[in-house]
N, C-alpha and C. Protein backbone atom coordinates (compact mmCIF):
# COMPACT_ATOMS: atom_id res chain seq x y z
N MET A 1 0.85 -1.18 0.00
CA MET A 1 0.00 0.00 0.00
C MET A 1 0.89 1.25 0.00
N THR A 2 0.57 2.17 -0.90
CA THR A 2 1.30 3.43 -0.98
C THR A 2 0.94 4.30 0.21
N LYS A 3 1.93 4.91 0.83
CA LYS A 3 1.67 5.78 1.97
C LYS A 3 1.01 7.08 1.52
N LEU A 4 0.12 7.60 2.36
CA LEU A 4 -0.53 8.88 2.10
C LEU A 4 0.39 9.99 2.58
N LYS A 5 0.72 10.92 1.69
CA LYS A 5 1.51 12.09 2.10
C LYS A 5 0.53 13.13 2.60
N ILE A 6 0.53 13.35 3.89
CA ILE A 6 -0.44 14.24 4.51
C ILE A 6 0.26 15.49 5.04
N ARG A 7 -0.25 16.64 4.63
CA ARG A 7 0.32 17.90 5.10
C ARG A 7 -0.01 18.13 6.58
N GLU A 8 -1.26 17.85 6.97
CA GLU A 8 -1.68 18.08 8.34
C GLU A 8 -0.94 17.16 9.32
N ALA A 9 -0.73 17.65 10.53
CA ALA A 9 -0.19 16.79 11.59
C ALA A 9 -1.35 15.93 12.09
N VAL A 10 -1.13 14.64 12.18
CA VAL A 10 -2.19 13.71 12.59
C VAL A 10 -2.09 13.50 14.11
N VAL A 11 -3.21 13.67 14.80
CA VAL A 11 -3.24 13.54 16.26
C VAL A 11 -3.98 12.26 16.63
N VAL A 12 -3.30 11.38 17.37
CA VAL A 12 -3.89 10.12 17.82
C VAL A 12 -3.75 10.01 19.34
N GLU A 13 -4.44 9.03 19.92
CA GLU A 13 -4.44 8.90 21.38
C GLU A 13 -3.20 8.24 21.95
N GLY A 14 -2.76 7.13 21.35
CA GLY A 14 -1.69 6.37 21.97
C GLY A 14 -0.61 5.91 21.02
N LYS A 15 0.45 5.33 21.61
CA LYS A 15 1.61 4.94 20.81
C LYS A 15 1.28 3.79 19.85
N TYR A 16 0.34 2.91 20.23
CA TYR A 16 -0.02 1.82 19.33
C TYR A 16 -0.80 2.33 18.12
N ASP A 17 -1.57 3.41 18.33
CA ASP A 17 -2.24 4.06 17.20
C ASP A 17 -1.19 4.63 16.24
N LYS A 18 -0.18 5.25 16.80
CA LYS A 18 0.89 5.84 15.98
C LYS A 18 1.62 4.76 15.19
N ILE A 19 1.91 3.64 15.84
CA ILE A 19 2.59 2.53 15.15
C ILE A 19 1.73 2.05 13.98
N LYS A 20 0.42 1.91 14.21
CA LYS A 20 -0.49 1.45 13.15
C LYS A 20 -0.48 2.44 11.98
N LEU A 21 -0.57 3.74 12.28
CA LEU A 21 -0.65 4.75 11.22
C LEU A 21 0.66 4.94 10.48
N SER A 22 1.76 4.61 11.12
CA SER A 22 3.07 4.78 10.48
C SER A 22 3.19 3.96 9.21
N SER A 23 2.43 2.88 9.10
CA SER A 23 2.47 2.07 7.88
C SER A 23 1.61 2.67 6.76
N LEU A 24 0.78 3.66 7.11
CA LEU A 24 -0.15 4.25 6.15
C LEU A 24 0.19 5.70 5.80
N ILE A 25 0.77 6.42 6.76
CA ILE A 25 0.94 7.87 6.61
C ILE A 25 2.41 8.26 6.50
N ASP A 26 2.68 9.12 5.54
CA ASP A 26 3.98 9.77 5.43
C ASP A 26 3.75 11.20 5.91
N GLY A 27 4.03 11.45 7.17
CA GLY A 27 3.78 12.76 7.75
C GLY A 27 3.99 12.74 9.25
N ILE A 28 3.62 13.83 9.89
CA ILE A 28 3.79 13.98 11.35
C ILE A 28 2.62 13.32 12.07
N ILE A 29 2.95 12.47 13.05
CA ILE A 29 1.93 11.85 13.90
C ILE A 29 2.24 12.20 15.35
N ILE A 30 1.28 12.84 16.02
CA ILE A 30 1.45 13.28 17.41
C ILE A 30 0.55 12.43 18.30
N VAL A 31 1.10 11.97 19.42
CA VAL A 31 0.35 11.15 20.38
C VAL A 31 -0.06 12.02 21.57
N THR A 32 -1.35 11.98 21.94
CA THR A 32 -1.83 12.77 23.09
C THR A 32 -1.60 12.05 24.41
N ASN A 33 -1.31 10.74 24.36
CA ASN A 33 -1.25 9.92 25.57
C ASN A 33 -2.57 10.00 26.33
N GLY A 34 -3.64 9.84 25.58
CA GLY A 34 -4.97 9.85 26.19
C GLY A 34 -5.29 11.18 26.84
N PHE A 35 -5.83 11.11 28.05
CA PHE A 35 -6.26 12.32 28.76
C PHE A 35 -5.10 13.16 29.27
N GLN A 36 -3.86 12.71 29.11
CA GLN A 36 -2.71 13.52 29.55
C GLN A 36 -2.66 14.85 28.81
N ILE A 37 -3.29 14.91 27.63
CA ILE A 37 -3.31 16.16 26.86
C ILE A 37 -4.01 17.27 27.64
N PHE A 38 -4.92 16.90 28.54
CA PHE A 38 -5.65 17.91 29.32
C PHE A 38 -4.72 18.70 30.25
N HIS A 39 -3.57 18.11 30.59
CA HIS A 39 -2.67 18.73 31.57
C HIS A 39 -1.31 19.09 30.99
N ASN A 40 -1.05 18.73 29.75
CA ASN A 40 0.27 18.93 29.16
C ASN A 40 0.30 20.22 28.34
N LYS A 41 0.70 21.33 28.99
CA LYS A 41 0.69 22.65 28.34
C LYS A 41 1.68 22.73 27.18
N LYS A 42 2.83 22.08 27.34
CA LYS A 42 3.83 22.12 26.27
C LYS A 42 3.35 21.40 25.02
N GLN A 43 2.71 20.27 25.22
CA GLN A 43 2.20 19.54 24.07
C GLN A 43 1.07 20.32 23.39
N MET A 44 0.23 20.98 24.18
CA MET A 44 -0.85 21.79 23.61
C MET A 44 -0.28 22.96 22.82
N GLU A 45 0.79 23.53 23.33
CA GLU A 45 1.47 24.62 22.61
C GLU A 45 1.99 24.12 21.26
N LEU A 46 2.57 22.93 21.25
CA LEU A 46 3.05 22.33 20.01
C LEU A 46 1.89 22.10 19.04
N LEU A 47 0.78 21.58 19.53
CA LEU A 47 -0.37 21.33 18.66
C LEU A 47 -0.91 22.63 18.08
N ARG A 48 -0.93 23.69 18.87
CA ARG A 48 -1.39 25.00 18.36
C ARG A 48 -0.47 25.50 17.25
N ARG A 49 0.84 25.34 17.46
CA ARG A 49 1.80 25.77 16.43
C ARG A 49 1.62 24.97 15.15
N LEU A 50 1.46 23.66 15.30
CA LEU A 50 1.25 22.81 14.13
C LEU A 50 -0.07 23.16 13.44
N ALA A 51 -1.10 23.46 14.22
CA ALA A 51 -2.39 23.86 13.64
C ALA A 51 -2.23 25.13 12.81
N ASP A 52 -1.43 26.07 13.32
CA ASP A 52 -1.21 27.34 12.61
C ASP A 52 -0.43 27.14 11.32
N THR A 53 0.55 26.24 11.34
CA THR A 53 1.43 26.11 10.18
C THR A 53 1.00 25.02 9.20
N ARG A 54 0.39 23.93 9.69
CA ARG A 54 0.05 22.80 8.82
C ARG A 54 -1.41 22.40 8.86
N GLY A 55 -2.06 22.69 9.98
CA GLY A 55 -3.39 22.16 10.23
C GLY A 55 -3.28 20.83 10.96
N LEU A 56 -4.36 20.41 11.60
CA LEU A 56 -4.38 19.14 12.34
C LEU A 56 -5.45 18.22 11.76
N LEU A 57 -5.18 16.93 11.82
CA LEU A 57 -6.17 15.90 11.51
C LEU A 57 -6.30 15.06 12.77
N VAL A 58 -7.46 15.09 13.40
CA VAL A 58 -7.68 14.34 14.64
C VAL A 58 -8.30 12.99 14.31
N LEU A 59 -7.64 11.93 14.77
CA LEU A 59 -8.10 10.56 14.56
C LEU A 59 -8.05 9.83 15.90
N THR A 60 -9.15 9.90 16.64
CA THR A 60 -9.23 9.23 17.94
C THR A 60 -10.17 8.05 17.84
N ASP A 61 -10.22 7.25 18.90
CA ASP A 61 -11.14 6.12 18.95
C ASP A 61 -12.57 6.63 18.88
N SER A 62 -13.51 5.75 18.54
CA SER A 62 -14.91 6.16 18.40
C SER A 62 -15.70 6.03 19.70
N ASP A 63 -15.00 5.81 20.80
CA ASP A 63 -15.69 5.71 22.10
C ASP A 63 -15.82 7.09 22.75
N GLY A 64 -16.46 7.13 23.89
CA GLY A 64 -16.68 8.39 24.59
C GLY A 64 -15.39 9.12 24.92
N ALA A 65 -14.35 8.39 25.33
CA ALA A 65 -13.06 9.00 25.67
C ALA A 65 -12.44 9.68 24.44
N GLY A 66 -12.52 9.01 23.29
CA GLY A 66 -12.00 9.61 22.06
C GLY A 66 -12.70 10.91 21.72
N PHE A 67 -14.02 10.94 21.94
CA PHE A 67 -14.76 12.16 21.65
C PHE A 67 -14.47 13.26 22.67
N GLN A 68 -14.18 12.90 23.92
CA GLN A 68 -13.78 13.91 24.90
C GLN A 68 -12.49 14.59 24.46
N ILE A 69 -11.54 13.82 23.97
CA ILE A 69 -10.27 14.38 23.50
C ILE A 69 -10.51 15.27 22.29
N ARG A 70 -11.35 14.84 21.35
CA ARG A 70 -11.69 15.66 20.18
C ARG A 70 -12.26 17.01 20.60
N HIS A 71 -13.25 16.95 21.51
CA HIS A 71 -13.91 18.19 21.95
C HIS A 71 -12.94 19.11 22.68
N TYR A 72 -12.06 18.53 23.45
CA TYR A 72 -11.06 19.34 24.16
C TYR A 72 -10.16 20.06 23.16
N LEU A 73 -9.69 19.34 22.15
CA LEU A 73 -8.81 19.95 21.14
C LEU A 73 -9.55 21.04 20.37
N THR A 74 -10.79 20.77 19.99
CA THR A 74 -11.58 21.75 19.24
C THR A 74 -11.88 22.98 20.08
N GLY A 75 -11.99 22.81 21.39
CA GLY A 75 -12.23 23.95 22.28
C GLY A 75 -10.96 24.72 22.60
N SER A 76 -9.80 24.11 22.40
CA SER A 76 -8.52 24.74 22.75
C SER A 76 -7.77 25.30 21.55
N ILE A 77 -8.14 24.85 20.35
CA ILE A 77 -7.46 25.26 19.11
C ILE A 77 -8.55 25.71 18.14
N ASP A 78 -8.23 26.69 17.33
CA ASP A 78 -9.19 27.19 16.34
C ASP A 78 -9.77 26.02 15.54
N PRO A 79 -11.09 25.76 15.65
CA PRO A 79 -11.68 24.62 14.94
C PRO A 79 -11.50 24.69 13.42
N ALA A 80 -11.30 25.87 12.88
CA ALA A 80 -11.09 26.01 11.43
C ALA A 80 -9.78 25.38 10.99
N LYS A 81 -8.88 25.14 11.94
CA LYS A 81 -7.57 24.56 11.63
C LYS A 81 -7.51 23.06 11.90
N ILE A 82 -8.68 22.48 12.22
CA ILE A 82 -8.74 21.06 12.58
C ILE A 82 -9.70 20.33 11.63
N LYS A 83 -9.25 19.20 11.14
CA LYS A 83 -10.11 18.28 10.39
C LYS A 83 -10.26 17.02 11.23
N HIS A 84 -11.36 16.34 11.05
CA HIS A 84 -11.63 15.14 11.85
C HIS A 84 -11.82 13.93 10.96
N ALA A 85 -11.14 12.84 11.29
CA ALA A 85 -11.35 11.55 10.64
C ALA A 85 -12.03 10.66 11.68
N TYR A 86 -13.11 10.01 11.27
CA TYR A 86 -13.89 9.18 12.19
C TYR A 86 -13.85 7.72 11.76
N ILE A 87 -13.45 6.86 12.68
CA ILE A 87 -13.51 5.43 12.41
C ILE A 87 -14.89 4.92 12.84
N PRO A 88 -15.38 3.85 12.21
CA PRO A 88 -16.70 3.34 12.59
C PRO A 88 -16.65 2.60 13.93
N ASP A 89 -17.84 2.43 14.50
CA ASP A 89 -17.97 1.61 15.71
C ASP A 89 -17.89 0.15 15.30
N ILE A 90 -16.81 -0.52 15.68
CA ILE A 90 -16.66 -1.95 15.42
C ILE A 90 -16.40 -2.63 16.76
N LEU A 91 -17.24 -3.56 17.10
CA LEU A 91 -17.09 -4.25 18.38
C LEU A 91 -15.93 -5.25 18.31
N GLY A 92 -15.23 -5.38 19.42
CA GLY A 92 -14.12 -6.31 19.49
C GLY A 92 -13.07 -5.83 20.47
N LYS A 93 -11.91 -6.50 20.45
CA LYS A 93 -10.80 -6.08 21.30
C LYS A 93 -9.50 -6.23 20.53
N GLU A 94 -8.55 -5.40 20.88
CA GLU A 94 -7.24 -5.46 20.24
C GLU A 94 -6.50 -6.70 20.71
N ARG A 95 -5.65 -7.25 19.86
CA ARG A 95 -4.93 -8.50 20.19
C ARG A 95 -4.08 -8.38 21.45
N ARG A 96 -3.47 -7.23 21.65
CA ARG A 96 -2.56 -7.10 22.78
C ARG A 96 -3.28 -6.95 24.13
N LYS A 97 -4.59 -6.74 24.09
CA LYS A 97 -5.36 -6.53 25.33
C LYS A 97 -6.03 -7.82 25.78
N GLU A 98 -6.16 -7.95 27.11
CA GLU A 98 -6.82 -9.13 27.66
C GLU A 98 -8.33 -9.07 27.51
N LYS A 99 -8.89 -7.86 27.60
CA LYS A 99 -10.34 -7.72 27.49
C LYS A 99 -10.66 -6.46 26.68
N PRO A 100 -11.89 -6.38 26.15
CA PRO A 100 -12.26 -5.21 25.35
C PRO A 100 -12.35 -3.95 26.21
N SER A 101 -12.42 -2.80 25.55
CA SER A 101 -12.59 -1.52 26.26
C SER A 101 -13.94 -1.51 26.95
N SER A 102 -14.20 -0.50 27.77
CA SER A 102 -15.45 -0.45 28.52
C SER A 102 -16.67 -0.40 27.60
N GLU A 103 -16.53 0.20 26.41
CA GLU A 103 -17.65 0.23 25.46
C GLU A 103 -17.60 -0.94 24.49
N GLY A 104 -16.54 -1.74 24.56
CA GLY A 104 -16.42 -2.92 23.72
C GLY A 104 -16.08 -2.65 22.26
N LYS A 105 -15.60 -1.44 21.98
CA LYS A 105 -15.29 -1.06 20.60
C LYS A 105 -13.80 -1.12 20.33
N LEU A 106 -13.46 -1.44 19.08
CA LEU A 106 -12.05 -1.39 18.67
C LEU A 106 -11.60 0.05 18.60
N GLY A 107 -10.35 0.28 19.02
CA GLY A 107 -9.75 1.60 18.86
C GLY A 107 -9.03 1.67 17.53
N VAL A 108 -8.38 2.78 17.28
CA VAL A 108 -7.66 2.99 16.02
C VAL A 108 -6.70 1.83 15.76
N GLU A 109 -5.98 1.40 16.80
CA GLU A 109 -4.99 0.33 16.60
C GLU A 109 -5.59 -0.99 16.14
N GLY A 110 -6.88 -1.23 16.42
CA GLY A 110 -7.51 -2.49 16.06
C GLY A 110 -8.30 -2.46 14.76
N ILE A 111 -8.48 -1.29 14.20
CA ILE A 111 -9.28 -1.13 12.97
C ILE A 111 -8.42 -1.52 11.76
N PRO A 112 -8.98 -2.24 10.80
CA PRO A 112 -8.22 -2.57 9.58
C PRO A 112 -7.72 -1.31 8.88
N ILE A 113 -6.52 -1.38 8.34
CA ILE A 113 -5.84 -0.23 7.75
C ILE A 113 -6.63 0.39 6.59
N GLN A 114 -7.33 -0.42 5.81
CA GLN A 114 -8.12 0.11 4.69
C GLN A 114 -9.26 0.99 5.19
N ILE A 115 -9.88 0.60 6.30
CA ILE A 115 -10.97 1.41 6.88
C ILE A 115 -10.41 2.73 7.40
N ILE A 116 -9.23 2.69 8.01
CA ILE A 116 -8.59 3.93 8.48
C ILE A 116 -8.28 4.84 7.30
N LYS A 117 -7.77 4.27 6.23
CA LYS A 117 -7.45 5.06 5.03
C LYS A 117 -8.71 5.76 4.51
N GLU A 118 -9.81 5.02 4.43
CA GLU A 118 -11.06 5.61 3.95
C GLU A 118 -11.52 6.74 4.86
N ALA A 119 -11.39 6.55 6.18
CA ALA A 119 -11.78 7.60 7.14
C ALA A 119 -10.93 8.85 6.95
N ILE A 120 -9.64 8.67 6.74
CA ILE A 120 -8.74 9.81 6.54
C ILE A 120 -9.09 10.54 5.25
N LEU A 121 -9.33 9.81 4.19
CA LEU A 121 -9.68 10.44 2.91
C LEU A 121 -11.01 11.18 2.98
N ARG A 122 -11.96 10.64 3.75
CA ARG A 122 -13.26 11.31 3.93
C ARG A 122 -13.11 12.63 4.67
N ALA A 123 -12.06 12.77 5.46
CA ALA A 123 -11.87 13.98 6.28
C ALA A 123 -11.52 15.21 5.43
N GLY A 124 -11.22 15.01 4.15
CA GLY A 124 -10.95 16.15 3.28
C GLY A 124 -9.51 16.63 3.31
N ILE A 125 -8.59 15.76 3.68
CA ILE A 125 -7.18 16.14 3.67
C ILE A 125 -6.68 16.17 2.24
N SER A 126 -5.58 16.90 2.00
CA SER A 126 -5.03 16.91 0.65
C SER A 126 -3.79 16.04 0.61
N CYS A 127 -3.89 14.99 -0.18
CA CYS A 127 -2.76 14.08 -0.31
C CYS A 127 -2.63 13.59 -1.74
N GLY A 128 -3.17 14.36 -2.67
CA GLY A 128 -3.07 13.98 -4.07
C GLY A 128 -4.20 13.12 -4.55
N GLU A 129 -5.01 12.58 -3.62
CA GLU A 129 -6.17 11.78 -4.02
C GLU A 129 -7.41 12.59 -3.69
N SER A 130 -8.31 12.72 -4.63
CA SER A 130 -9.53 13.48 -4.41
C SER A 130 -10.60 12.58 -3.84
N ASN A 131 -11.11 12.94 -2.65
CA ASN A 131 -12.16 12.14 -2.05
C ASN A 131 -13.46 12.91 -1.90
N ILE A 132 -13.47 14.17 -2.28
CA ILE A 132 -14.67 14.98 -2.14
C ILE A 132 -15.47 14.84 -3.42
N PRO A 133 -16.74 14.47 -3.31
CA PRO A 133 -17.54 14.29 -4.50
C PRO A 133 -17.62 15.58 -5.32
N GLN A 134 -17.54 15.45 -6.62
CA GLN A 134 -17.62 16.60 -7.51
C GLN A 134 -18.99 16.60 -8.17
N GLY A 135 -19.48 17.77 -8.49
CA GLY A 135 -20.76 17.87 -9.17
C GLY A 135 -21.45 19.17 -8.83
N SER A 136 -22.66 19.33 -9.33
CA SER A 136 -23.35 20.59 -9.16
C SER A 136 -24.34 20.56 -8.00
N SER A 137 -24.40 19.45 -7.28
CA SER A 137 -25.35 19.33 -6.18
C SER A 137 -25.00 20.28 -5.05
N ARG A 138 -26.02 20.76 -4.37
CA ARG A 138 -25.79 21.66 -3.24
C ARG A 138 -25.33 20.89 -2.01
N PRO A 139 -24.72 21.58 -1.04
CA PRO A 139 -24.28 20.88 0.17
C PRO A 139 -25.47 20.48 1.05
N ILE A 140 -25.22 19.52 1.92
CA ILE A 140 -26.21 19.09 2.91
C ILE A 140 -26.20 20.12 4.03
N THR A 141 -27.38 20.53 4.49
CA THR A 141 -27.49 21.59 5.50
C THR A 141 -28.16 21.08 6.78
N LYS A 142 -28.17 21.93 7.82
CA LYS A 142 -28.86 21.59 9.07
C LYS A 142 -30.35 21.39 8.82
N LEU A 143 -30.90 22.20 7.92
CA LEU A 143 -32.31 22.05 7.58
C LEU A 143 -32.59 20.68 6.99
N ASP A 144 -31.68 20.16 6.17
CA ASP A 144 -31.84 18.82 5.61
C ASP A 144 -31.87 17.76 6.71
N LEU A 145 -31.01 17.93 7.73
CA LEU A 145 -31.00 16.99 8.85
C LEU A 145 -32.34 17.02 9.57
N PHE A 146 -32.90 18.23 9.72
CA PHE A 146 -34.20 18.37 10.38
C PHE A 146 -35.31 17.75 9.53
N GLU A 147 -35.32 18.09 8.24
CA GLU A 147 -36.39 17.60 7.36
C GLU A 147 -36.37 16.09 7.19
N THR A 148 -35.22 15.47 7.35
CA THR A 148 -35.13 14.01 7.23
C THR A 148 -35.28 13.30 8.57
N GLY A 149 -35.53 14.08 9.63
CA GLY A 149 -35.79 13.49 10.94
C GLY A 149 -34.54 13.14 11.73
N LEU A 150 -33.38 13.58 11.27
CA LEU A 150 -32.14 13.30 12.00
C LEU A 150 -31.93 14.26 13.16
N THR A 151 -32.67 15.37 13.18
CA THR A 151 -32.64 16.31 14.30
C THR A 151 -34.06 16.83 14.54
N GLY A 152 -34.30 17.35 15.75
CA GLY A 152 -35.54 18.06 16.05
C GLY A 152 -36.76 17.23 16.36
N ARG A 153 -36.63 15.92 16.47
CA ARG A 153 -37.79 15.07 16.77
C ARG A 153 -37.47 14.18 17.97
N ASP A 154 -38.50 13.62 18.54
CA ASP A 154 -38.32 12.76 19.72
C ASP A 154 -37.42 11.56 19.43
N ASP A 155 -37.53 11.02 18.22
CA ASP A 155 -36.76 9.83 17.88
C ASP A 155 -35.51 10.16 17.05
N SER A 156 -35.13 11.43 16.97
CA SER A 156 -34.00 11.84 16.12
C SER A 156 -32.69 11.16 16.51
N ALA A 157 -32.42 11.05 17.80
CA ALA A 157 -31.16 10.45 18.24
C ALA A 157 -31.07 9.00 17.79
N ILE A 158 -32.18 8.28 17.87
CA ILE A 158 -32.21 6.87 17.44
C ILE A 158 -32.01 6.79 15.92
N ARG A 159 -32.73 7.66 15.20
CA ARG A 159 -32.61 7.68 13.73
C ARG A 159 -31.19 8.05 13.30
N ARG A 160 -30.60 9.03 14.00
CA ARG A 160 -29.25 9.49 13.66
C ARG A 160 -28.23 8.36 13.89
N ARG A 161 -28.36 7.66 15.03
CA ARG A 161 -27.44 6.55 15.32
C ARG A 161 -27.55 5.46 14.24
N ALA A 162 -28.77 5.14 13.83
CA ALA A 162 -28.97 4.11 12.80
C ALA A 162 -28.36 4.57 11.47
N PHE A 163 -28.55 5.84 11.13
CA PHE A 163 -28.00 6.38 9.88
C PHE A 163 -26.47 6.37 9.93
N LEU A 164 -25.90 6.81 11.06
CA LEU A 164 -24.45 6.81 11.21
C LEU A 164 -23.90 5.39 11.09
N LYS A 165 -24.58 4.44 11.70
CA LYS A 165 -24.14 3.04 11.63
C LYS A 165 -24.15 2.55 10.18
N SER A 166 -25.19 2.92 9.43
CA SER A 166 -25.29 2.48 8.03
C SER A 166 -24.15 3.05 7.18
N LEU A 167 -23.59 4.19 7.60
CA LEU A 167 -22.48 4.81 6.87
C LEU A 167 -21.12 4.38 7.40
N GLY A 168 -21.11 3.59 8.48
CA GLY A 168 -19.84 3.18 9.08
C GLY A 168 -19.19 4.29 9.87
N LEU A 169 -20.01 5.18 10.46
CA LEU A 169 -19.50 6.29 11.27
C LEU A 169 -19.86 6.05 12.73
N PRO A 170 -19.11 6.64 13.67
CA PRO A 170 -19.35 6.37 15.10
C PRO A 170 -20.65 6.99 15.61
N GLU A 171 -21.29 6.29 16.55
CA GLU A 171 -22.57 6.73 17.11
C GLU A 171 -22.46 8.02 17.92
N HIS A 172 -21.28 8.35 18.41
CA HIS A 172 -21.12 9.55 19.24
C HIS A 172 -21.05 10.84 18.42
N LEU A 173 -21.11 10.75 17.12
CA LEU A 173 -21.01 11.92 16.26
C LEU A 173 -22.27 12.78 16.43
N SER A 174 -22.10 14.03 16.84
CA SER A 174 -23.25 14.92 17.03
C SER A 174 -23.77 15.39 15.68
N ALA A 175 -24.97 15.98 15.70
CA ALA A 175 -25.55 16.49 14.45
C ALA A 175 -24.66 17.55 13.83
N ASN A 176 -24.11 18.45 14.65
CA ASN A 176 -23.23 19.50 14.12
C ASN A 176 -21.94 18.92 13.53
N ALA A 177 -21.37 17.94 14.19
CA ALA A 177 -20.14 17.32 13.68
C ALA A 177 -20.42 16.47 12.45
N MET A 178 -21.65 15.99 12.34
CA MET A 178 -22.01 15.12 11.23
C MET A 178 -22.04 15.87 9.90
N LEU A 179 -22.44 17.14 9.89
CA LEU A 179 -22.58 17.89 8.64
C LEU A 179 -21.32 17.93 7.79
N PRO A 180 -20.17 18.40 8.32
CA PRO A 180 -18.98 18.42 7.46
C PRO A 180 -18.54 17.03 7.01
N VAL A 181 -18.79 16.02 7.86
CA VAL A 181 -18.43 14.66 7.48
C VAL A 181 -19.29 14.20 6.31
N LEU A 182 -20.60 14.43 6.40
CA LEU A 182 -21.50 14.04 5.32
C LEU A 182 -21.15 14.77 4.02
N ASN A 183 -20.87 16.08 4.13
CA ASN A 183 -20.55 16.86 2.93
C ASN A 183 -19.22 16.44 2.31
N SER A 184 -18.34 15.84 3.10
CA SER A 184 -17.08 15.35 2.52
C SER A 184 -17.25 13.97 1.89
N MET A 185 -18.36 13.27 2.24
CA MET A 185 -18.58 11.91 1.77
C MET A 185 -19.50 11.82 0.55
N MET A 186 -20.47 12.75 0.48
CA MET A 186 -21.53 12.57 -0.52
C MET A 186 -22.15 13.91 -0.90
N GLU A 187 -22.88 13.87 -2.00
CA GLU A 187 -23.66 15.03 -2.43
C GLU A 187 -25.07 14.90 -1.86
N TYR A 188 -25.84 15.98 -1.98
CA TYR A 188 -27.19 16.03 -1.43
C TYR A 188 -28.07 14.90 -1.96
N GLY A 189 -28.03 14.65 -3.26
CA GLY A 189 -28.85 13.59 -3.85
C GLY A 189 -28.55 12.22 -3.27
N GLU A 190 -27.27 11.93 -3.10
CA GLU A 190 -26.87 10.64 -2.52
C GLU A 190 -27.31 10.56 -1.07
N PHE A 191 -27.24 11.68 -0.34
CA PHE A 191 -27.71 11.75 1.04
C PHE A 191 -29.17 11.35 1.11
N LEU A 192 -30.01 11.90 0.22
CA LEU A 192 -31.44 11.57 0.23
C LEU A 192 -31.67 10.10 -0.07
N GLN A 193 -30.90 9.53 -1.00
CA GLN A 193 -31.03 8.11 -1.33
C GLN A 193 -30.69 7.24 -0.13
N LYS A 194 -29.62 7.60 0.58
CA LYS A 194 -29.19 6.80 1.74
C LYS A 194 -30.21 6.92 2.87
N ILE A 195 -30.82 8.09 3.04
CA ILE A 195 -31.85 8.28 4.08
C ILE A 195 -33.05 7.39 3.77
N LYS A 196 -33.45 7.31 2.50
CA LYS A 196 -34.61 6.50 2.13
C LYS A 196 -34.39 5.03 2.43
N LYS A 197 -33.14 4.56 2.31
CA LYS A 197 -32.83 3.16 2.61
C LYS A 197 -32.98 2.90 4.09
């Protein structure tokens, strides 16, 4: 597999995630060491500098802890300088671990490399491969999410989780975070077709 040359610095949770990505990415990979990023001012300073000069691509696990780290980074660094790659919720455990995580989901280190590659390309990074759909269709909007029942209704959270699962995206993805991901994956017409299914 040819390595992806990524301009953005890629941010992952742990050293095993970095080892996994090293076989796929030709670029900078920064490890947060999980929640240690909350207290490491020097590392946060480095991430801000990298965000200013290269941009960041955040690739954390799809569990609650991974989303806490994402939200912390987005709250601490200009969100316009951050792109997000989301791995799907896949149940299981990594080989090196005795038991699965508390949510029972595979982390970045346990996800097949092809799925990680697809998630990275969906994030809209520039690496010479175009992954953003081309055409004259308009972007998907918040109103579209409302009109299709993914927001604003009593059962919206259930419908959104089912839709995210059908796309191979994590269940913790909020409606606001879902929009840029959907727009990087598909055009409006394809969105409507997938909703109907």
